[in-house]
Amino acid sequence: MYWTLELASKLEDAPWPATKDELIDYAQRSGAPLTVIENLQEMEDEGEIYECIEDIWPDYPSKEDFFFNEEEY
């Protein structure tokens, strides 16, 4: 299982919080690439509810990661 920014971004609009099965269903209905669905299927399923994409991929960059000080320019 591997995540890239492009793959993980397909789940940004998922109905959070969600279970693994709900995320797989969302990915299939939204036309996400097969790799996204395979990555979700490979996750361990302990009935966990995921609150956001960071619960699945902790390295997912937030909007703050792209923030820069506009006043400097």
PDB file of N, CA and C in Angstrom:
ATOM      1  N   MET A   1       0.851  -1.170   0.000  1.00  0.00           N
ATOM      2  CA  MET A   1       0.000   0.000   0.000  1.00  0.00           C
ATOM      3  C   MET A   1       0.895   1.230   0.000  1.00  0.00           C
ATOM      4  N   TYR A   2       0.594   2.141  -0.891  1.00  0.00           N
ATOM      5  CA  TYR A   2       1.308   3.402  -0.916  1.00  0.00           C
ATOM      6  C   TYR A   2       0.342   4.524  -1.266  1.00  0.00           C
ATOM      7  N   TRP A   3       0.607   5.689  -0.710  1.00  0.00           N
ATOM      8  CA  TRP A   3      -0.229   6.850  -0.974  1.00  0.00           C
ATOM      9  C   TRP A   3       0.620   7.936  -1.608  1.00  0.00           C
ATOM     10  N   THR A   4       0.035   8.625  -2.533  1.00  0.00           N
ATOM     11  CA  THR A   4       0.634   9.829  -3.094  1.00  0.00           C
ATOM     12  C   THR A   4      -0.369  10.951  -2.881  1.00  0.00           C
ATOM     13  N   LEU A   5       0.075  12.159  -3.064  1.00  0.00           N
ATOM     14  CA  LEU A   5      -0.818  13.299  -2.901  1.00  0.00           C
ATOM     15  C   LEU A   5      -2.009  13.186  -3.845  1.00  0.00           C
ATOM     16  N   GLU A   6      -1.754  12.781  -5.069  1.00  0.00           N
ATOM     17  CA  GLU A   6      -2.833  12.648  -6.050  1.00  0.00           C
ATOM     18  C   GLU A   6      -3.844  11.584  -5.630  1.00  0.00           C
ATOM     19  N   LEU A   7      -3.364  10.436  -5.160  1.00  0.00           N
ATOM     20  CA  LEU A   7      -4.274   9.365  -4.747  1.00  0.00           C
ATOM     21  C   LEU A   7      -5.074   9.770  -3.516  1.00  0.00           C
ATOM     22  N   ALA A   8      -4.410  10.303  -2.516  1.00  0.00           N
ATOM     23  CA  ALA A   8      -5.094  10.674  -1.281  1.00  0.00           C
ATOM     24  C   ALA A   8      -6.097  11.797  -1.510  1.00  0.00           C
ATOM     25  N   SER A   9      -5.813  12.666  -2.464  1.00  0.00           N
ATOM     26  CA  SER A   9      -6.729  13.786  -2.717  1.00  0.00           C
ATOM     27  C   SER A   9      -8.081  13.301  -3.232  1.00  0.00           C
ATOM     28  N   LYS A  10      -8.153  12.103  -3.745  1.00  0.00           N
ATOM     29  CA  LYS A  10      -9.430  11.538  -4.212  1.00  0.00           C
ATOM     30  C   LYS A  10     -10.382  11.280  -3.050  1.00  0.00           C
ATOM     31  N   LEU A  11      -9.854  11.264  -1.823  1.00  0.00           N
ATOM     32  CA  LEU A  11     -10.679  11.014  -0.643  1.00  0.00           C
ATOM     33  C   LEU A  11     -10.961  12.279   0.165  1.00  0.00           C
ATOM     34  N   GLU A  12     -10.478  13.429  -0.303  1.00  0.00           N
ATOM     35  CA  GLU A  12     -10.676  14.672   0.445  1.00  0.00           C
ATOM     36  C   GLU A  12     -12.145  14.952   0.723  1.00  0.00           C
ATOM     37  N   ASP A  13     -13.001  14.704  -0.251  1.00  0.00           N
ATOM     38  CA  ASP A  13     -14.420  15.014  -0.114  1.00  0.00           C
ATOM     39  C   ASP A  13     -15.258  13.841   0.380  1.00  0.00           C
ATOM     40  N   ALA A  14     -14.594  12.816   0.872  1.00  0.00           N
ATOM     41  CA  ALA A  14     -15.318  11.648   1.391  1.00  0.00           C
ATOM     42  C   ALA A  14     -16.174  12.074   2.582  1.00  0.00           C
ATOM     43  N   PRO A  15     -17.224  11.335   2.861  1.00  0.00           N
ATOM     44  CA  PRO A  15     -18.112  11.682   3.977  1.00  0.00           C
ATOM     45  C   PRO A  15     -17.501  11.305   5.327  1.00  0.00           C
ATOM     46  N   TRP A  16     -16.611  12.150   5.819  1.00  0.00           N
ATOM     47  CA  TRP A  16     -15.942  11.890   7.100  1.00  0.00           C
ATOM     48  C   TRP A  16     -16.893  12.183   8.242  1.00  0.00           C
ATOM     49  N   PRO A  17     -16.825  11.497   9.343  1.00  0.00           N
ATOM     50  CA  PRO A  17     -16.082  10.264   9.624  1.00  0.00           C
ATOM     51  C   PRO A  17     -16.683   9.083   8.867  1.00  0.00           C
ATOM     52  N   ALA A  18     -15.818   8.099   8.599  1.00  0.00           N
ATOM     53  CA  ALA A  18     -16.255   6.961   7.798  1.00  0.00           C
ATOM     54  C   ALA A  18     -15.493   5.708   8.194  1.00  0.00           C
ATOM     55  N   THR A  19     -16.116   4.562   7.933  1.00  0.00           N
ATOM     56  CA  THR A  19     -15.455   3.275   8.143  1.00  0.00           C
ATOM     57  C   THR A  19     -14.701   2.909   6.872  1.00  0.00           C
ATOM     58  N   LYS A  20     -13.919   1.874   6.960  1.00  0.00           N
ATOM     59  CA  LYS A  20     -13.183   1.397   5.801  1.00  0.00           C
ATOM     60  C   LYS A  20     -14.148   1.060   4.658  1.00  0.00           C
ATOM     61  N   ASP A  21     -15.223   0.334   4.957  1.00  0.00           N
ATOM     62  CA  ASP A  21     -16.187  -0.049   3.920  1.00  0.00           C
ATOM     63  C   ASP A  21     -16.862   1.167   3.291  1.00  0.00           C
ATOM     64  N   GLU A  22     -17.162   2.164   4.101  1.00  0.00           N
ATOM     65  CA  GLU A  22     -17.776   3.384   3.568  1.00  0.00           C
ATOM     66  C   GLU A  22     -16.809   4.132   2.656  1.00  0.00           C
ATOM     67  N   LEU A  23     -15.533   4.135   3.002  1.00  0.00           N
ATOM     68  CA  LEU A  23     -14.538   4.800   2.161  1.00  0.00           C
ATOM     69  C   LEU A  23     -14.362   4.062   0.834  1.00  0.00           C
ATOM     70  N   ILE A  24     -14.361   2.729   0.889  1.00  0.00           N
ATOM     71  CA  ILE A  24     -14.263   1.943  -0.342  1.00  0.00           C
ATOM     72  C   ILE A  24     -15.475   2.212  -1.226  1.00  0.00           C
ATOM     73  N   ASP A  25     -16.650   2.227  -0.632  1.00  0.00           N
ATOM     74  CA  ASP A  25     -17.873   2.508  -1.381  1.00  0.00           C
ATOM     75  C   ASP A  25     -17.808   3.896  -2.012  1.00  0.00           C
ATOM     76  N   TYR A  26     -17.364   4.891  -1.252  1.00  0.00           N
ATOM     77  CA  TYR A  26     -17.245   6.253  -1.780  1.00  0.00           C
ATOM     78  C   TYR A  26     -16.260   6.291  -2.947  1.00  0.00           C
ATOM     79  N   ALA A  27     -15.112   5.638  -2.777  1.00  0.00           N
ATOM     80  CA  ALA A  27     -14.098   5.638  -3.832  1.00  0.00           C
ATOM     81  C   ALA A  27     -14.635   5.002  -5.114  1.00  0.00           C
ATOM     82  N   GLN A  28     -15.369   3.928  -4.982  1.00  0.00           N
ATOM     83  CA  GLN A  28     -15.944   3.271  -6.157  1.00  0.00           C
ATOM     84  C   GLN A  28     -16.984   4.164  -6.823  1.00  0.00           C
ATOM     85  N   ARG A  29     -17.867   4.769  -6.041  1.00  0.00           N
ATOM     86  CA  ARG A  29     -18.929   5.610  -6.600  1.00  0.00           C
ATOM     87  C   ARG A  29     -18.392   6.890  -7.223  1.00  0.00           C
ATOM     88  N   SER A  30     -17.285   7.410  -6.685  1.00  0.00           N
ATOM     89  CA  SER A  30     -16.748   8.670  -7.188  1.00  0.00           C
ATOM     90  C   SER A  30     -15.770   8.477  -8.353  1.00  0.00           C
ATOM     91  N   GLY A  31     -15.526   7.227  -8.713  1.00  0.00           N
ATOM     92  CA  GLY A  31     -14.638   6.966  -9.850  1.00  0.00           C
ATOM     93  C   GLY A  31     -13.166   7.136  -9.538  1.00  0.00           C
ATOM     94  N   ALA A  32     -12.795   6.907  -8.299  1.00  0.00           N
ATOM     95  CA  ALA A  32     -11.387   7.009  -7.909  1.00  0.00           C
ATOM     96  C   ALA A  32     -10.579   5.926  -8.622  1.00  0.00           C
ATOM     97  N   PRO A  33      -9.296   6.186  -8.848  1.00  0.00           N
ATOM     98  CA  PRO A  33      -8.456   5.176  -9.489  1.00  0.00           C
ATOM     99  C   PRO A  33      -8.445   3.860  -8.702  1.00  0.00           C
ATOM    100  N   LEU A  34      -8.239   2.767  -9.395  1.00  0.00           N
ATOM    101  CA  LEU A  34      -8.219   1.446  -8.777  1.00  0.00           C
ATOM    102  C   LEU A  34      -7.185   1.368  -7.652  1.00  0.00           C
ATOM    103  N   THR A  35      -6.090   2.086  -7.784  1.00  0.00           N
ATOM    104  CA  THR A  35      -5.047   2.076  -6.752  1.00  0.00           C
ATOM    105  C   THR A  35      -5.591   2.578  -5.419  1.00  0.00           C
ATOM    106  N   VAL A  36      -6.470   3.584  -5.437  1.00  0.00           N
ATOM    107  CA  VAL A  36      -7.062   4.110  -4.205  1.00  0.00           C
ATOM    108  C   VAL A  36      -7.895   3.018  -3.531  1.00  0.00           C
ATOM    109  N   ILE A  37      -8.701   2.336  -4.322  1.00  0.00           N
ATOM    110  CA  ILE A  37      -9.556   1.270  -3.794  1.00  0.00           C
ATOM    111  C   ILE A  37      -8.708   0.131  -3.241  1.00  0.00           C
ATOM    112  N   GLU A  38      -7.661  -0.241  -3.961  1.00  0.00           N
ATOM    113  CA  GLU A  38      -6.770  -1.310  -3.488  1.00  0.00           C
ATOM    114  C   GLU A  38      -6.084  -0.909  -2.188  1.00  0.00           C
ATOM    115  N   ASN A  39      -5.642   0.343  -2.086  1.00  0.00           N
ATOM    116  CA  ASN A  39      -5.001   0.822  -0.852  1.00  0.00           C
ATOM    117  C   ASN A  39      -5.967   0.735   0.322  1.00  0.00           C
ATOM    118  N   LEU A  40      -7.208   1.117   0.098  1.00  0.00           N
ATOM    119  CA  LEU A  40      -8.206   1.047   1.166  1.00  0.00           C
ATOM    120  C   LEU A  40      -8.480  -0.401   1.568  1.00  0.00           C
ATOM    121  N   GLN A  41      -8.529  -1.288   0.590  1.00  0.00           N
ATOM    122  CA  GLN A  41      -8.791  -2.698   0.884  1.00  0.00           C
ATOM    123  C   GLN A  41      -7.657  -3.332   1.673  1.00  0.00           C
ATOM    124  N   GLU A  42      -6.439  -2.849   1.493  1.00  0.00           N
ATOM    125  CA  GLU A  42      -5.277  -3.404   2.192  1.00  0.00           C
ATOM    126  C   GLU A  42      -5.179  -2.944   3.648  1.00  0.00           C
ATOM    127  N   MET A  43      -5.943  -1.918   4.014  1.00  0.00           N
ATOM    128  CA  MET A  43      -5.896  -1.435   5.393  1.00  0.00           C
ATOM    129  C   MET A  43      -6.477  -2.485   6.327  1.00  0.00           C
ATOM    130  N   GLU A  44      -5.895  -2.574   7.534  1.00  0.00           N
ATOM    131  CA  GLU A  44      -6.435  -3.486   8.533  1.00  0.00           C
ATOM    132  C   GLU A  44      -7.801  -2.983   8.958  1.00  0.00           C
ATOM    133  N   ASP A  45      -8.756  -3.882   9.062  1.00  0.00           N
ATOM    134  CA  ASP A  45     -10.106  -3.476   9.423  1.00  0.00           C
ATOM    135  C   ASP A  45     -10.446  -3.991  10.808  1.00  0.00           C
ATOM    136  N   GLU A  46     -10.434  -3.080  11.750  1.00  0.00           N
ATOM    137  CA  GLU A  46     -10.791  -3.422  13.122  1.00  0.00           C
ATOM    138  C   GLU A  46     -12.068  -2.693  13.522  1.00  0.00           C
ATOM    139  N   GLY A  47     -12.875  -2.348  12.528  1.00  0.00           N
ATOM    140  CA  GLY A  47     -14.103  -1.623  12.794  1.00  0.00           C
ATOM    141  C   GLY A  47     -13.855  -0.168  13.155  1.00  0.00           C
ATOM    142  N   GLU A  48     -12.661   0.296  12.855  1.00  0.00           N
ATOM    143  CA  GLU A  48     -12.265   1.655  13.201  1.00  0.00           C
ATOM    144  C   GLU A  48     -13.015   2.679  12.357  1.00  0.00           C
ATOM    145  N   ILE A  49     -13.292   3.817  12.958  1.00  0.00           N
ATOM    146  CA  ILE A  49     -13.902   4.922  12.224  1.00  0.00           C
ATOM    147  C   ILE A  49     -12.818   5.974  12.015  1.00  0.00           C
ATOM    148  N   TYR A  50     -12.638   6.361  10.767  1.00  0.00           N
ATOM    149  CA  TYR A  50     -11.625   7.340  10.403  1.00  0.00           C
ATOM    150  C   TYR A  50     -12.262   8.720  10.369  1.00  0.00           C
ATOM    151  N   GLU A  51     -11.649   9.657  11.060  1.00  0.00           N
ATOM    152  CA  GLU A  51     -12.187  11.010  11.176  1.00  0.00           C
ATOM    153  C   GLU A  51     -11.807  11.896   9.995  1.00  0.00           C
ATOM    154  N   CYS A  52     -10.644  11.633   9.390  1.00  0.00           N
ATOM    155  CA  CYS A  52     -10.164  12.460   8.282  1.00  0.00           C
ATOM    156  C   CYS A  52      -9.080  11.707   7.524  1.00  0.00           C
ATOM    157  N   ILE A  53      -8.640  12.274   6.420  1.00  0.00           N
ATOM    158  CA  ILE A  53      -7.636  11.621   5.577  1.00  0.00           C
ATOM    159  C   ILE A  53      -6.327  11.397   6.339  1.00  0.00           C
ATOM    160  N   GLU A  54      -6.023  12.256   7.310  1.00  0.00           N
ATOM    161  CA  GLU A  54      -4.791  12.100   8.082  1.00  0.00           C
ATOM    162  C   GLU A  54      -4.790  10.817   8.911  1.00  0.00           C
ATOM    163  N   ASP A  55      -5.970  10.286   9.232  1.00  0.00           N
ATOM    164  CA  ASP A  55      -6.044   9.017   9.955  1.00  0.00           C
ATOM    165  C   ASP A  55      -5.588   7.861   9.068  1.00  0.00           C
ATOM    166  N   ILE A  56      -5.714   8.027   7.774  1.00  0.00           N
ATOM    167  CA  ILE A  56      -5.308   6.992   6.827  1.00  0.00           C
ATOM    168  C   ILE A  56      -3.867   7.210   6.384  1.00  0.00           C
ATOM    169  N   TRP A  57      -3.544   8.455   6.075  1.00  0.00           N
ATOM    170  CA  TRP A  57      -2.192   8.809   5.615  1.00  0.00           C
ATOM    171  C   TRP A  57      -1.718  10.002   6.450  1.00  0.00           C
ATOM    172  N   PRO A  58      -1.002   9.741   7.552  1.00  0.00           N
ATOM    173  CA  PRO A  58      -0.587  10.812   8.470  1.00  0.00           C
ATOM    174  C   PRO A  58       0.269  11.899   7.812  1.00  0.00           C
ATOM    175  N   ASP A  59       0.924  11.599   6.713  1.00  0.00           N
ATOM    176  CA  ASP A  59       1.785  12.578   6.052  1.00  0.00           C
ATOM    177  C   ASP A  59       1.038  13.459   5.059  1.00  0.00           C
ATOM    178  N   TYR A  60      -0.290  13.326   5.001  1.00  0.00           N
ATOM    179  CA  TYR A  60      -1.062  14.127   4.058  1.00  0.00           C
ATOM    180  C   TYR A  60      -0.870  15.601   4.380  1.00  0.00           C
ATOM    181  N   PRO A  61      -0.417  16.396   3.409  1.00  0.00           N
ATOM    182  CA  PRO A  61      -0.158  17.813   3.694  1.00  0.00           C
ATOM    183  C   PRO A  61      -1.451  18.597   3.904  1.00  0.00           C
ATOM    184  N   SER A  62      -1.437  19.449   4.888  1.00  0.00           N
ATOM    185  CA  SER A  62      -2.600  20.295   5.161  1.00  0.00           C
ATOM    186  C   SER A  62      -2.458  21.597   4.377  1.00  0.00           C
ATOM    187  N   LYS A  63      -3.503  22.383   4.359  1.00  0.00           N
ATOM    188  CA  LYS A  63      -3.441  23.676   3.679  1.00  0.00           C
ATOM    189  C   LYS A  63      -2.375  24.564   4.306  1.00  0.00           C
ATOM    190  N   GLU A  64      -2.125  24.384   5.589  1.00  0.00           N
ATOM    191  CA  GLU A  64      -1.107  25.177   6.272  1.00  0.00           C
ATOM    192  C   GLU A  64       0.292  24.873   5.744  1.00  0.00           C
ATOM    193  N   ASP A  65       0.504  23.673   5.230  1.00  0.00           N
ATOM    194  CA  ASP A  65       1.805  23.318   4.681  1.00  0.00           C
ATOM    195  C   ASP A  65       2.125  24.133   3.439  1.00  0.00           C
ATOM    196  N   PHE A  66       1.100  24.651   2.777  1.00  0.00           N
ATOM    197  CA  PHE A  66       1.302  25.420   1.561  1.00  0.00           C
ATOM    198  C   PHE A  66       1.201  26.920   1.810  1.00  0.00           C
ATOM    199  N   PHE A  67       1.004  27.300   3.064  1.00  0.00           N
ATOM    200  CA  PHE A  67       0.847  28.714   3.411  1.00  0.00           C
ATOM    201  C   PHE A  67       2.200  29.405   3.378  1.00  0.00           C
ATOM    202  N   PHE A  68       2.205  30.597   2.837  1.00  0.00           N
ATOM    203  CA  PHE A  68       3.404  31.414   2.905  1.00  0.00           C
ATOM    204  C   PHE A  68       2.981  32.822   3.270  1.00  0.00           C
ATOM    205  N   ASN A  69       3.903  33.576   3.771  1.00  0.00           N
ATOM    206  CA  ASN A  69       3.604  34.909   4.243  1.00  0.00           C
ATOM    207  C   ASN A  69       3.507  35.851   3.041  1.00  0.00           C
ATOM    208  N   GLU A  70       2.276  36.239   2.705  1.00  0.00           N
ATOM    209  CA  GLU A  70       2.057  37.082   1.535  1.00  0.00           C
ATOM    210  C   GLU A  70       2.606  38.491   1.744  1.00  0.00           C
ATOM    211  N   GLU A  71       2.736  38.902   2.986  1.00  0.00           N
ATOM    212  CA  GLU A  71       3.210  40.240   3.260  1.00  0.00           C
ATOM    213  C   GLU A  71       4.688  40.404   2.918  1.00  0.00           C
ATOM    214  N   GLU A  72       5.418  39.326   2.792  1.00  0.00           N
ATOM    215  CA  GLU A  72       6.832  39.406   2.444  1.00  0.00           C
ATOM    216  C   GLU A  72       7.029  39.798   0.986  1.00  0.00           C
ATOM    217  N   TYR A  73       5.991  39.631   0.176  1.00  0.00           N
ATOM    218  CA  TYR A  73       6.147  39.863  -1.260  1.00  0.00           C
ATOM    219  C   TYR A  73       5.461  41.111  -1.698  1.00  0.00           C
TER     220      TYR A  73
END
